[in-house]
C-alpha atoms as a PDB file:
ATOM      1  CA  MET A   1     108.882  69.217  84.589  1.00  0.00           C
ATOM      2  CA  ALA A   2     111.195  71.938  83.335  1.00  0.00           C
ATOM      3  CA  HIS A   3     111.498  75.262  85.103  1.00  0.00           C
ATOM      4  CA  ALA A   4     112.479  78.539  83.537  1.00  0.00           C
ATOM      5  CA  PRO A   5     115.974  79.578  84.512  1.00  0.00           C
ATOM      6  CA  SER A   6     116.035  82.119  87.283  1.00  0.00           C
ATOM      7  CA  PRO A   7     117.705  85.414  86.473  1.00  0.00           C
ATOM      8  CA  VAL A   8     121.170  85.642  87.947  1.00  0.00           C
ATOM      9  CA  GLN A   9     121.587  88.792  89.976  1.00  0.00           C
ATOM     10  CA  ASN A  10     124.946  90.409  90.472  1.00  0.00           C
ATOM     11  CA  PRO A  11     126.237  90.350  94.019  1.00  0.00           C
ATOM     12  CA  VAL A  12     125.406  93.531  95.910  1.00  0.00           C
ATOM     13  CA  SER A  13     128.292  95.473  97.370  1.00  0.00           C
ATOM     14  CA  GLU A  14     128.389  96.137 101.081  1.00  0.00           C
ATOM     15  CA  GLU A  15     128.135  99.904 100.513  1.00  0.00           C
ATOM     16  CA  ALA A  16     125.025  99.524  98.351  1.00  0.00           C
ATOM     17  CA  PHE A  17     123.447  97.211 100.917  1.00  0.00           C
ATOM     18  CA  THR A  18     124.156  99.669 103.746  1.00  0.00           C
ATOM     19  CA  ALA A  19     122.816 102.595 101.704  1.00  0.00           C
ATOM     20  CA  ASP A  20     119.640 100.667 100.921  1.00  0.00           C
ATOM     21  CA  ARG A  21     119.099  99.819 104.594  1.00  0.00           C
ATOM     22  CA  GLN A  22     119.668 103.445 105.608  1.00  0.00           C
ATOM     23  CA  ARG A  23     117.183 104.650 102.976  1.00  0.00           C
ATOM     24  CA  MET A  24     114.619 102.116 104.184  1.00  0.00           C
ATOM     25  CA  PHE A  25     115.167 103.128 107.825  1.00  0.00           C
ATOM     26  CA  ASP A  26     114.798 106.823 106.910  1.00  0.00           C
ATOM     27  CA  GLY A  27     111.472 106.033 105.245  1.00  0.00           C
ATOM     28  CA  PHE A  28     110.335 104.110 108.322  1.00  0.00           C
ATOM     29  CA  VAL A  29     111.291 106.973 110.639  1.00  0.00           C
ATOM     30  CA  SER A  30     109.509 109.501 108.420  1.00  0.00           C
ATOM     31  CA  ALA A  31     106.335 107.412 108.290  1.00  0.00           C
ATOM     32  CA  THR A  32     106.408 106.916 112.056  1.00  0.00           C
ATOM     33  CA  THR A  33     106.905 110.639 112.675  1.00  0.00           C
ATOM     34  CA  TYR A  34     104.033 111.587 110.350  1.00  0.00           C
ATOM     35  CA  SER A  35     101.777 109.021 112.032  1.00  0.00           C
ATOM     36  CA  ILE A  36     102.535 110.393 115.493  1.00  0.00           C
ATOM     37  CA  VAL A  37     101.977 113.989 114.372  1.00  0.00           C
ATOM     38  CA  ALA A  38      98.692 113.055 112.687  1.00  0.00           C
ATOM     39  CA  SER A  39      97.539 111.230 115.833  1.00  0.00           C
ATOM     40  CA  VAL A  40      98.343 114.247 118.021  1.00  0.00           C
ATOM     41  CA  VAL A  41      96.505 116.589 115.643  1.00  0.00           C
ATOM     42  CA  ILE A  42      93.444 114.316 115.570  1.00  0.00           C
ATOM     43  CA  LEU A  43      93.428 114.007 119.358  1.00  0.00           C
ATOM     44  CA  GLY A  44      93.755 117.783 119.668  1.00  0.00           C
ATOM     45  CA  LEU A  45      90.844 118.338 117.313  1.00  0.00           C
ATOM     46  CA  MET A  46      88.760 115.779 119.224  1.00  0.00           C
ATOM     47  CA  TYR A  47      89.504 117.653 122.432  1.00  0.00           C
ATOM     48  CA  VAL A  48      88.519 120.987 120.884  1.00  0.00           C
ATOM     49  CA  PHE A  49      85.272 119.802 119.307  1.00  0.00           C
ATOM     50  CA  LEU A  50      84.091 117.250 121.862  1.00  0.00           C
ATOM     51  CA  ILE A  51      85.172 118.533 125.257  1.00  0.00           C
ATOM     52  CA  ALA A  52      85.831 122.249 125.032  1.00  0.00           C
END
C-alpha cells in the first residue's frame, strides 16, 4: 500500500527553538497567574456572600 510522501520540514535553528519555548513558557505562566487570581477573587466573593 502506497503512502503519501510526508512534507519535509526545514531544520529549526536553535535560536528559533529557544524563542518558541520561551513564548510557550510565558503563555503557561500567564495562564497560571490568571487562574490563581480568578480563584482568589471567587474565594473572596464566596466569603463575602456566604459568611459575612
